[in-house]
Amino acid sequence: VTVYPVKGKMKKVEVVALDIEANYVVGTILEVTHR
């Protein structure tokens, strides 16, 4: 996982994943940030 600062109080997170892991990564992002 790579994290970069972006404009404002945000961070850009990048993940390289196998095809079978991609949906899990997206789901995890949604779960953590949905609030």
Full PDB file with SEQRES, HELIX, SHEET, SSBOND, CRYST1, ORIGX, SCALE, CONECT and MASTER records, all heavy atoms in Angstrom:
SEQRES   1 A   35  VAL THR VAL TYR PRO VAL LYS GLY LYS MET LYS LYS VAL          
SEQRES   2 A   35  GLU VAL VAL ALA LEU ASP ILE GLU ALA ASN TYR VAL VAL          
SEQRES   3 A   35  GLY THR ILE LEU GLU VAL THR HIS ARG                          
HELIX    1 AA1 ASP A   19  THR A   33  1                                  15    
SHEET    1 AA1 2 THR A   2  VAL A   6  0                                        
SHEET    2 AA1 2 MET A  10  GLU A  14 -1                                        
CRYST1    1.000    1.000    1.000  90.00  90.00  90.00 P 1           1          
ORIGX1      1.000000  0.000000  0.000000        0.00000                         
ORIGX2      0.000000  1.000000  0.000000        0.00000                         
ORIGX3      0.000000  0.000000  1.000000        0.00000                         
SCALE1      1.000000  0.000000  0.000000        0.00000                         
SCALE2      0.000000  1.000000  0.000000        0.00000                         
SCALE3      0.000000  0.000000  1.000000        0.00000                         
ATOM      1  N   VAL A   1       0.848  -1.187   0.000  1.00  0.00           N  
ATOM      2  CA  VAL A   1       0.000   0.000   0.000  1.00  0.00           C  
ATOM      3  C   VAL A   1       0.887   1.241   0.000  1.00  0.00           C  
ATOM      4  O   VAL A   1       1.838   1.334   0.766  1.00  0.00           O  
ATOM      5  CB  VAL A   1      -0.928   0.011   1.241  1.00  0.00           C  
ATOM      6  CG1 VAL A   1      -1.796   1.251   1.267  1.00  0.00           C  
ATOM      7  CG2 VAL A   1      -1.768  -1.255   1.285  1.00  0.00           C  
ATOM      8  N   THR A   2       0.557   2.178  -0.876  1.00  0.00           N  
ATOM      9  CA  THR A   2       1.294   3.432  -0.961  1.00  0.00           C  
ATOM     10  C   THR A   2       0.342   4.572  -0.637  1.00  0.00           C  
ATOM     11  O   THR A   2      -0.794   4.584  -1.120  1.00  0.00           O  
ATOM     12  CB  THR A   2       1.878   3.630  -2.370  1.00  0.00           C  
ATOM     13  OG1 THR A   2       2.676   2.492  -2.702  1.00  0.00           O  
ATOM     14  CG2 THR A   2       2.747   4.879  -2.439  1.00  0.00           C  
ATOM     15  N   VAL A   3       0.802   5.537   0.162  1.00  0.00           N  
ATOM     16  CA  VAL A   3      -0.035   6.666   0.566  1.00  0.00           C  
ATOM     17  C   VAL A   3       0.668   7.965   0.165  1.00  0.00           C  
ATOM     18  O   VAL A   3       1.848   8.151   0.452  1.00  0.00           O  
ATOM     19  CB  VAL A   3      -0.287   6.648   2.092  1.00  0.00           C  
ATOM     20  CG1 VAL A   3      -1.150   7.835   2.503  1.00  0.00           C  
ATOM     21  CG2 VAL A   3      -0.915   5.328   2.517  1.00  0.00           C  
ATOM     22  N   TYR A   4      -0.071   8.851  -0.502  1.00  0.00           N  
ATOM     23  CA  TYR A   4       0.431  10.146  -0.940  1.00  0.00           C  
ATOM     24  C   TYR A   4      -0.438  11.263  -0.368  1.00  0.00           C  
ATOM     25  O   TYR A   4      -1.654  11.104  -0.286  1.00  0.00           O  
ATOM     26  CB  TYR A   4       0.341  10.292  -2.464  1.00  0.00           C  
ATOM     27  CG  TYR A   4       1.077   9.268  -3.255  1.00  0.00           C  
ATOM     28  CD1 TYR A   4       0.416   8.153  -3.766  1.00  0.00           C  
ATOM     29  CD2 TYR A   4       2.426   9.420  -3.534  1.00  0.00           C  
ATOM     30  CE1 TYR A   4       1.081   7.216  -4.521  1.00  0.00           C  
ATOM     31  CE2 TYR A   4       3.096   8.487  -4.291  1.00  0.00           C  
ATOM     32  CZ  TYR A   4       2.421   7.385  -4.792  1.00  0.00           C  
ATOM     33  OH  TYR A   4       3.078   6.455  -5.539  1.00  0.00           O  
ATOM     34  N   PRO A   5       0.158  12.406  -0.057  1.00  0.00           N  
ATOM     35  CA  PRO A   5      -0.671  13.556   0.313  1.00  0.00           C  
ATOM     36  C   PRO A   5      -1.293  14.165  -0.951  1.00  0.00           C  
ATOM     37  O   PRO A   5      -0.682  14.144  -2.014  1.00  0.00           O  
ATOM     38  CB  PRO A   5       0.323  14.529   0.951  1.00  0.00           C  
ATOM     39  CG  PRO A   5       1.651  14.161   0.363  1.00  0.00           C  
ATOM     40  CD  PRO A   5       1.587  12.696   0.050  1.00  0.00           C  
ATOM     41  N   VAL A   6      -2.518  14.658  -0.825  1.00  0.00           N  
ATOM     42  CA  VAL A   6      -3.162  15.391  -1.907  1.00  0.00           C  
ATOM     43  C   VAL A   6      -3.735  16.680  -1.336  1.00  0.00           C  
ATOM     44  O   VAL A   6      -3.775  16.862  -0.121  1.00  0.00           O  
ATOM     45  CB  VAL A   6      -4.268  14.562  -2.610  1.00  0.00           C  
ATOM     46  CG1 VAL A   6      -3.684  13.374  -3.331  1.00  0.00           C  
ATOM     47  CG2 VAL A   6      -5.341  14.125  -1.652  1.00  0.00           C  
ATOM     48  N   LYS A   7      -4.185  17.553  -2.193  1.00  0.00           N  
ATOM     49  CA  LYS A   7      -4.677  18.854  -1.767  1.00  0.00           C  
ATOM     50  C   LYS A   7      -5.773  18.725  -0.708  1.00  0.00           C  
ATOM     51  O   LYS A   7      -6.652  17.892  -0.807  1.00  0.00           O  
ATOM     52  CB  LYS A   7      -5.222  19.608  -2.978  1.00  0.00           C  
ATOM     53  CG  LYS A   7      -5.576  21.037  -2.692  1.00  0.00           C  
ATOM     54  CD  LYS A   7      -6.005  21.736  -3.960  1.00  0.00           C  
ATOM     55  CE  LYS A   7      -6.329  23.181  -3.671  1.00  0.00           C  
ATOM     56  NZ  LYS A   7      -6.735  23.890  -4.876  1.00  0.00           N  
ATOM     57  N   GLY A   8      -5.710  19.561   0.276  1.00  0.00           N  
ATOM     58  CA  GLY A   8      -6.689  19.534   1.350  1.00  0.00           C  
ATOM     59  C   GLY A   8      -6.264  18.553   2.429  1.00  0.00           C  
ATOM     60  O   GLY A   8      -5.097  18.224   2.570  1.00  0.00           O  
ATOM     61  N   LYS A   9      -7.209  18.080   3.177  1.00  0.00           N  
ATOM     62  CA  LYS A   9      -6.926  17.148   4.270  1.00  0.00           C  
ATOM     63  C   LYS A   9      -7.177  15.713   3.818  1.00  0.00           C  
ATOM     64  O   LYS A   9      -7.780  14.921   4.521  1.00  0.00           O  
ATOM     65  CB  LYS A   9      -7.788  17.480   5.475  1.00  0.00           C  
ATOM     66  CG  LYS A   9      -7.458  18.819   6.075  1.00  0.00           C  
ATOM     67  CD  LYS A   9      -8.282  19.070   7.298  1.00  0.00           C  
ATOM     68  CE  LYS A   9      -7.881  20.400   7.912  1.00  0.00           C  
ATOM     69  NZ  LYS A   9      -8.612  20.687   9.117  1.00  0.00           N  
ATOM     70  N   MET A  10      -6.723  15.424   2.590  1.00  0.00           N  
ATOM     71  CA  MET A  10      -6.955  14.101   2.024  1.00  0.00           C  
ATOM     72  C   MET A  10      -5.629  13.390   1.788  1.00  0.00           C  
ATOM     73  O   MET A  10      -4.580  14.005   1.741  1.00  0.00           O  
ATOM     74  CB  MET A  10      -7.687  14.211   0.681  1.00  0.00           C  
ATOM     75  CG  MET A  10      -8.992  14.977   0.732  1.00  0.00           C  
ATOM     76  SD  MET A  10     -10.304  14.041   1.507  1.00  0.00           S  
ATOM     77  CE  MET A  10     -10.756  12.992   0.170  1.00  0.00           C  
ATOM     78  N   LYS A  11      -5.725  12.074   1.638  1.00  0.00           N  
ATOM     79  CA  LYS A  11      -4.592  11.242   1.259  1.00  0.00           C  
ATOM     80  C   LYS A  11      -5.035  10.359   0.107  1.00  0.00           C  
ATOM     81  O   LYS A  11      -6.188   9.933   0.032  1.00  0.00           O  
ATOM     82  CB  LYS A  11      -4.140  10.334   2.411  1.00  0.00           C  
ATOM     83  CG  LYS A  11      -3.610  11.076   3.616  1.00  0.00           C  
ATOM     84  CD  LYS A  11      -2.223  11.579   3.358  1.00  0.00           C  
ATOM     85  CE  LYS A  11      -1.659  12.198   4.631  1.00  0.00           C  
ATOM     86  NZ  LYS A  11      -0.318  12.659   4.480  1.00  0.00           N  
ATOM     87  N   LYS A  12      -4.107  10.090  -0.803  1.00  0.00           N  
ATOM     88  CA  LYS A  12      -4.359   9.162  -1.888  1.00  0.00           C  
ATOM     89  C   LYS A  12      -3.716   7.832  -1.503  1.00  0.00           C  
ATOM     90  O   LYS A  12      -2.526   7.784  -1.189  1.00  0.00           O  
ATOM     91  CB  LYS A  12      -3.776   9.672  -3.197  1.00  0.00           C  
ATOM     92  CG  LYS A  12      -4.006   8.744  -4.359  1.00  0.00           C  
ATOM     93  CD  LYS A  12      -3.410   9.355  -5.614  1.00  0.00           C  
ATOM     94  CE  LYS A  12      -3.605   8.448  -6.799  1.00  0.00           C  
ATOM     95  NZ  LYS A  12      -2.979   9.030  -7.999  1.00  0.00           N  
ATOM     96  N   VAL A  13      -4.487   6.767  -1.532  1.00  0.00           N  
ATOM     97  CA  VAL A  13      -4.008   5.442  -1.180  1.00  0.00           C  
ATOM     98  C   VAL A  13      -4.046   4.594  -2.440  1.00  0.00           C  
ATOM     99  O   VAL A  13      -5.059   4.575  -3.149  1.00  0.00           O  
ATOM    100  CB  VAL A  13      -4.890   4.799  -0.085  1.00  0.00           C  
ATOM    101  CG1 VAL A  13      -4.404   3.406   0.252  1.00  0.00           C  
ATOM    102  CG2 VAL A  13      -4.917   5.686   1.160  1.00  0.00           C  
ATOM    103  N   GLU A  14      -2.935   3.905  -2.732  1.00  0.00           N  
ATOM    104  CA  GLU A  14      -2.867   3.025  -3.897  1.00  0.00           C  
ATOM    105  C   GLU A  14      -2.537   1.610  -3.447  1.00  0.00           C  
ATOM    106  O   GLU A  14      -1.659   1.411  -2.603  1.00  0.00           O  
ATOM    107  CB  GLU A  14      -1.779   3.487  -4.867  1.00  0.00           C  
ATOM    108  CG  GLU A  14      -2.049   4.814  -5.510  1.00  0.00           C  
ATOM    109  CD  GLU A  14      -0.963   5.209  -6.507  1.00  0.00           C  
ATOM    110  OE1 GLU A  14       0.050   4.489  -6.630  1.00  0.00           O  
ATOM    111  OE2 GLU A  14      -1.128   6.248  -7.158  1.00  0.00           O  
ATOM    112  N   VAL A  15      -3.217   0.647  -4.035  1.00  0.00           N  
ATOM    113  CA  VAL A  15      -2.989  -0.762  -3.735  1.00  0.00           C  
ATOM    114  C   VAL A  15      -2.945  -1.515  -5.058  1.00  0.00           C  
ATOM    115  O   VAL A  15      -3.841  -1.344  -5.893  1.00  0.00           O  
ATOM    116  CB  VAL A  15      -4.128  -1.360  -2.873  1.00  0.00           C  
ATOM    117  CG1 VAL A  15      -3.864  -2.823  -2.571  1.00  0.00           C  
ATOM    118  CG2 VAL A  15      -4.327  -0.567  -1.603  1.00  0.00           C  
ATOM    119  N   VAL A  16      -1.911  -2.331  -5.249  1.00  0.00           N  
ATOM    120  CA  VAL A  16      -1.878  -3.245  -6.383  1.00  0.00           C  
ATOM    121  C   VAL A  16      -2.292  -4.610  -5.855  1.00  0.00           C  
ATOM    122  O   VAL A  16      -1.711  -5.120  -4.907  1.00  0.00           O  
ATOM    123  CB  VAL A  16      -0.473  -3.308  -7.027  1.00  0.00           C  
ATOM    124  CG1 VAL A  16      -0.427  -4.361  -8.114  1.00  0.00           C  
ATOM    125  CG2 VAL A  16      -0.089  -1.943  -7.583  1.00  0.00           C  
ATOM    126  N   ALA A  17      -3.337  -5.179  -6.453  1.00  0.00           N  
ATOM    127  CA  ALA A  17      -3.906  -6.426  -5.954  1.00  0.00           C  
ATOM    128  C   ALA A  17      -4.146  -7.393  -7.101  1.00  0.00           C  
ATOM    129  O   ALA A  17      -4.354  -6.980  -8.252  1.00  0.00           O  
ATOM    130  CB  ALA A  17      -5.225  -6.141  -5.235  1.00  0.00           C  
ATOM    131  N   LEU A  18      -4.145  -8.667  -6.769  1.00  0.00           N  
ATOM    132  CA  LEU A  18      -4.552  -9.680  -7.733  1.00  0.00           C  
ATOM    133  C   LEU A  18      -6.014  -9.470  -8.068  1.00  0.00           C  
ATOM    134  O   LEU A  18      -6.775  -8.891  -7.283  1.00  0.00           O  
ATOM    135  CB  LEU A  18      -4.345 -11.078  -7.146  1.00  0.00           C  
ATOM    136  CG  LEU A  18      -2.916 -11.420  -6.726  1.00  0.00           C  
ATOM    137  CD1 LEU A  18      -2.890 -12.792  -6.071  1.00  0.00           C  
ATOM    138  CD2 LEU A  18      -1.975 -11.374  -7.915  1.00  0.00           C  
ATOM    139  N   ASP A  19      -6.431  -9.936  -9.233  1.00  0.00           N  
ATOM    140  CA  ASP A  19      -7.822  -9.758  -9.648  1.00  0.00           C  
ATOM    141  C   ASP A  19      -8.799 -10.287  -8.597  1.00  0.00           C  
ATOM    142  O   ASP A  19      -9.821  -9.651  -8.332  1.00  0.00           O  
ATOM    143  CB  ASP A  19      -8.076 -10.464 -10.986  1.00  0.00           C  
ATOM    144  CG  ASP A  19      -7.379  -9.769 -12.147  1.00  0.00           C  
ATOM    145  OD1 ASP A  19      -7.100  -8.558 -12.039  1.00  0.00           O  
ATOM    146  OD2 ASP A  19      -7.132 -10.433 -13.163  1.00  0.00           O  
ATOM    147  N   ILE A  20      -8.480 -11.415  -7.989  1.00  0.00           N  
ATOM    148  CA  ILE A  20      -9.386 -12.001  -7.005  1.00  0.00           C  
ATOM    149  C   ILE A  20      -9.437 -11.206  -5.704  1.00  0.00           C  
ATOM    150  O   ILE A  20     -10.370 -11.374  -4.920  1.00  0.00           O  
ATOM    151  CB  ILE A  20      -9.041 -13.477  -6.715  1.00  0.00           C  
ATOM    152  CG1 ILE A  20      -7.630 -13.595  -6.156  1.00  0.00           C  
ATOM    153  CG2 ILE A  20      -9.209 -14.330  -7.945  1.00  0.00           C  
ATOM    154  CD1 ILE A  20      -7.279 -14.993  -5.678  1.00  0.00           C  
ATOM    155  N   GLU A  21      -8.458 -10.349  -5.461  1.00  0.00           N  
ATOM    156  CA  GLU A  21      -8.430  -9.524  -4.248  1.00  0.00           C  
ATOM    157  C   GLU A  21      -9.054  -8.143  -4.444  1.00  0.00           C  
ATOM    158  O   GLU A  21      -9.377  -7.468  -3.479  1.00  0.00           O  
ATOM    159  CB  GLU A  21      -6.983  -9.311  -3.784  1.00  0.00           C  
ATOM    160  CG  GLU A  21      -6.243 -10.559  -3.418  1.00  0.00           C  
ATOM    161  CD  GLU A  21      -4.773 -10.291  -3.157  1.00  0.00           C  
ATOM    162  OE1 GLU A  21      -4.171  -9.421  -3.825  1.00  0.00           O  
ATOM    163  OE2 GLU A  21      -4.224 -10.965  -2.274  1.00  0.00           O  
ATOM    164  N   ALA A  22      -9.207  -7.715  -5.696  1.00  0.00           N  
ATOM    165  CA  ALA A  22      -9.618  -6.335  -5.982  1.00  0.00           C  
ATOM    166  C   ALA A  22     -10.967  -5.987  -5.360  1.00  0.00           C  
ATOM    167  O   ALA A  22     -11.116  -4.920  -4.758  1.00  0.00           O  
ATOM    168  CB  ALA A  22      -9.637  -6.083  -7.484  1.00  0.00           C  
ATOM    169  N   ASN A  23     -11.946  -6.860  -5.502  1.00  0.00           N  
ATOM    170  CA  ASN A  23     -13.263  -6.570  -4.915  1.00  0.00           C  
ATOM    171  C   ASN A  23     -13.187  -6.483  -3.401  1.00  0.00           C  
ATOM    172  O   ASN A  23     -13.877  -5.673  -2.781  1.00  0.00           O  
ATOM    173  CB  ASN A  23     -14.289  -7.621  -5.334  1.00  0.00           C  
ATOM    174  CG  ASN A  23     -14.732  -7.433  -6.765  1.00  0.00           C  
ATOM    175  OD1 ASN A  23     -14.655  -6.347  -7.319  1.00  0.00           O  
ATOM    176  ND2 ASN A  23     -15.191  -8.510  -7.372  1.00  0.00           N  
ATOM    177  N   TYR A  24     -12.352  -7.313  -2.782  1.00  0.00           N  
ATOM    178  CA  TYR A  24     -12.189  -7.257  -1.335  1.00  0.00           C  
ATOM    179  C   TYR A  24     -11.587  -5.914  -0.917  1.00  0.00           C  
ATOM    180  O   TYR A  24     -12.034  -5.304   0.051  1.00  0.00           O  
ATOM    181  CB  TYR A  24     -11.308  -8.399  -0.831  1.00  0.00           C  
ATOM    182  CG  TYR A  24     -11.026  -8.254   0.630  1.00  0.00           C  
ATOM    183  CD1 TYR A  24     -11.989  -8.575   1.574  1.00  0.00           C  
ATOM    184  CD2 TYR A  24      -9.819  -7.713   1.076  1.00  0.00           C  
ATOM    185  CE1 TYR A  24     -11.764  -8.389   2.926  1.00  0.00           C  
ATOM    186  CE2 TYR A  24      -9.578  -7.536   2.421  1.00  0.00           C  
ATOM    187  CZ  TYR A  24     -10.555  -7.869   3.334  1.00  0.00           C  
ATOM    188  OH  TYR A  24     -10.318  -7.670   4.663  1.00  0.00           O  
ATOM    189  N   VAL A  25     -10.568  -5.450  -1.660  1.00  0.00           N  
ATOM    190  CA  VAL A  25      -9.935  -4.169  -1.340  1.00  0.00           C  
ATOM    191  C   VAL A  25     -10.957  -3.041  -1.452  1.00  0.00           C  
ATOM    192  O   VAL A  25     -11.063  -2.200  -0.556  1.00  0.00           O  
ATOM    193  CB  VAL A  25      -8.712  -3.914  -2.240  1.00  0.00           C  
ATOM    194  CG1 VAL A  25      -8.176  -2.501  -2.043  1.00  0.00           C  
ATOM    195  CG2 VAL A  25      -7.616  -4.945  -1.973  1.00  0.00           C  
ATOM    196  N   VAL A  26     -11.721  -3.017  -2.531  1.00  0.00           N  
ATOM    197  CA  VAL A  26     -12.745  -1.976  -2.710  1.00  0.00           C  
ATOM    198  C   VAL A  26     -13.770  -2.050  -1.583  1.00  0.00           C  
ATOM    199  O   VAL A  26     -14.153  -1.032  -1.003  1.00  0.00           O  
ATOM    200  CB  VAL A  26     -13.418  -2.101  -4.090  1.00  0.00           C  
ATOM    201  CG1 VAL A  26     -14.638  -1.189  -4.185  1.00  0.00           C  
ATOM    202  CG2 VAL A  26     -12.426  -1.776  -5.198  1.00  0.00           C  
ATOM    203  N   GLY A  27     -14.206  -3.256  -1.238  1.00  0.00           N  
ATOM    204  CA  GLY A  27     -15.163  -3.423  -0.146  1.00  0.00           C  
ATOM    205  C   GLY A  27     -14.622  -2.933   1.175  1.00  0.00           C  
ATOM    206  O   GLY A  27     -15.349  -2.312   1.963  1.00  0.00           O  
ATOM    207  N   THR A  28     -13.355  -3.194   1.426  1.00  0.00           N  
ATOM    208  CA  THR A  28     -12.728  -2.738   2.668  1.00  0.00           C  
ATOM    209  C   THR A  28     -12.661  -1.217   2.709  1.00  0.00           C  
ATOM    210  O   THR A  28     -12.941  -0.599   3.738  1.00  0.00           O  
ATOM    211  CB  THR A  28     -11.322  -3.349   2.818  1.00  0.00           C  
ATOM    212  OG1 THR A  28     -11.435  -4.772   2.807  1.00  0.00           O  
ATOM    213  CG2 THR A  28     -10.656  -2.897   4.102  1.00  0.00           C  
ATOM    214  N   ILE A  29     -12.313  -0.602   1.598  1.00  0.00           N  
ATOM    215  CA  ILE A  29     -12.272   0.861   1.530  1.00  0.00           C  
ATOM    216  C   ILE A  29     -13.660   1.429   1.830  1.00  0.00           C  
ATOM    217  O   ILE A  29     -13.809   2.359   2.630  1.00  0.00           O  
ATOM    218  CB  ILE A  29     -11.771   1.340   0.155  1.00  0.00           C  
ATOM    219  CG1 ILE A  29     -10.311   0.954  -0.048  1.00  0.00           C  
ATOM    220  CG2 ILE A  29     -11.956   2.864   0.019  1.00  0.00           C  
ATOM    221  CD1 ILE A  29      -9.825   1.109  -1.469  1.00  0.00           C  
ATOM    222  N   LEU A  30     -14.676   0.869   1.207  1.00  0.00           N  
ATOM    223  CA  LEU A  30     -16.046   1.344   1.440  1.00  0.00           C  
ATOM    224  C   LEU A  30     -16.462   1.151   2.890  1.00  0.00           C  
ATOM    225  O   LEU A  30     -17.092   2.033   3.486  1.00  0.00           O  
ATOM    226  CB  LEU A  30     -17.017   0.620   0.508  1.00  0.00           C  
ATOM    227  CG  LEU A  30     -16.919   0.990  -0.966  1.00  0.00           C  
ATOM    228  CD1 LEU A  30     -17.764   0.051  -1.805  1.00  0.00           C  
ATOM    229  CD2 LEU A  30     -17.309   2.437  -1.191  1.00  0.00           C  
ATOM    230  N   GLU A  31     -16.101   0.022   3.458  1.00  0.00           N  
ATOM    231  CA  GLU A  31     -16.468  -0.267   4.851  1.00  0.00           C  
ATOM    232  C   GLU A  31     -15.829   0.727   5.815  1.00  0.00           C  
ATOM    233  O   GLU A  31     -16.465   1.210   6.746  1.00  0.00           O  
ATOM    234  CB  GLU A  31     -16.031  -1.681   5.198  1.00  0.00           C  
ATOM    235  CG  GLU A  31     -16.446  -2.135   6.576  1.00  0.00           C  
ATOM    236  CD  GLU A  31     -16.008  -3.566   6.832  1.00  0.00           C  
ATOM    237  OE1 GLU A  31     -16.283  -4.421   5.987  1.00  0.00           O  
ATOM    238  OE2 GLU A  31     -15.390  -3.800   7.881  1.00  0.00           O  
ATOM    239  N   VAL A  32     -14.564   1.037   5.589  1.00  0.00           N  
ATOM    240  CA  VAL A  32     -13.837   1.932   6.497  1.00  0.00           C  
ATOM    241  C   VAL A  32     -14.274   3.379   6.326  1.00  0.00           C  
ATOM    242  O   VAL A  32     -14.330   4.126   7.294  1.00  0.00           O  
ATOM    243  CB  VAL A  32     -12.306   1.797   6.274  1.00  0.00           C  
ATOM    244  CG1 VAL A  32     -11.539   2.880   7.000  1.00  0.00           C  
ATOM    245  CG2 VAL A  32     -11.831   0.417   6.712  1.00  0.00           C  
ATOM    246  N   THR A  33     -14.619   3.775   5.112  1.00  0.00           N  
ATOM    247  CA  THR A  33     -14.861   5.197   4.838  1.00  0.00           C  
ATOM    248  C   THR A  33     -16.328   5.568   4.646  1.00  0.00           C  
ATOM    249  O   THR A  33     -16.623   6.738   4.430  1.00  0.00           O  
ATOM    250  CB  THR A  33     -14.086   5.645   3.585  1.00  0.00           C  
ATOM    251  OG1 THR A  33     -14.567   4.914   2.455  1.00  0.00           O  
ATOM    252  CG2 THR A  33     -12.599   5.420   3.742  1.00  0.00           C  
ATOM    253  N   HIS A  34     -17.247   4.645   4.728  1.00  0.00           N  
ATOM    254  CA  HIS A  34     -18.642   4.932   4.387  1.00  0.00           C  
ATOM    255  C   HIS A  34     -19.324   5.938   5.300  1.00  0.00           C  
ATOM    256  O   HIS A  34     -20.331   6.506   4.933  1.00  0.00           O  
ATOM    257  CB  HIS A  34     -19.462   3.636   4.373  1.00  0.00           C  
ATOM    258  CG  HIS A  34     -19.852   3.156   5.729  1.00  0.00           C  
ATOM    259  ND1 HIS A  34     -18.981   2.490   6.545  1.00  0.00           N  
ATOM    260  CD2 HIS A  34     -21.019   3.272   6.414  1.00  0.00           C  
ATOM    261  CE1 HIS A  34     -19.596   2.203   7.682  1.00  0.00           C  
ATOM    262  NE2 HIS A  34     -20.824   2.653   7.635  1.00  0.00           N  
ATOM    263  N   ARG A  35     -18.780   6.183   6.458  1.00  0.00           N  
ATOM    264  CA  ARG A  35     -19.428   7.080   7.420  1.00  0.00           C  
ATOM    265  C   ARG A  35     -19.370   8.546   7.002  1.00  0.00           C  
ATOM    266  O   ARG A  35     -20.174   9.345   7.423  1.00  0.00           O  
ATOM    267  CB  ARG A  35     -18.801   6.898   8.800  1.00  0.00           C  
ATOM    268  CG  ARG A  35     -19.112   5.532   9.395  1.00  0.00           C  
ATOM    269  CD  ARG A  35     -18.370   5.301  10.672  1.00  0.00           C  
ATOM    270  NE  ARG A  35     -16.959   5.070  10.510  1.00  0.00           N  
ATOM    271  CZ  ARG A  35     -16.406   3.929  10.082  1.00  0.00           C  
ATOM    272  NH1 ARG A  35     -17.154   2.917   9.728  1.00  0.00           N  
ATOM    273  NH2 ARG A  35     -15.099   3.800   9.983  1.00  0.00           N  
TER     274      ARG A  35                                                      
MASTER        0    0    0    1    2    0    0    6  273    1    0    3          
END                                                                             
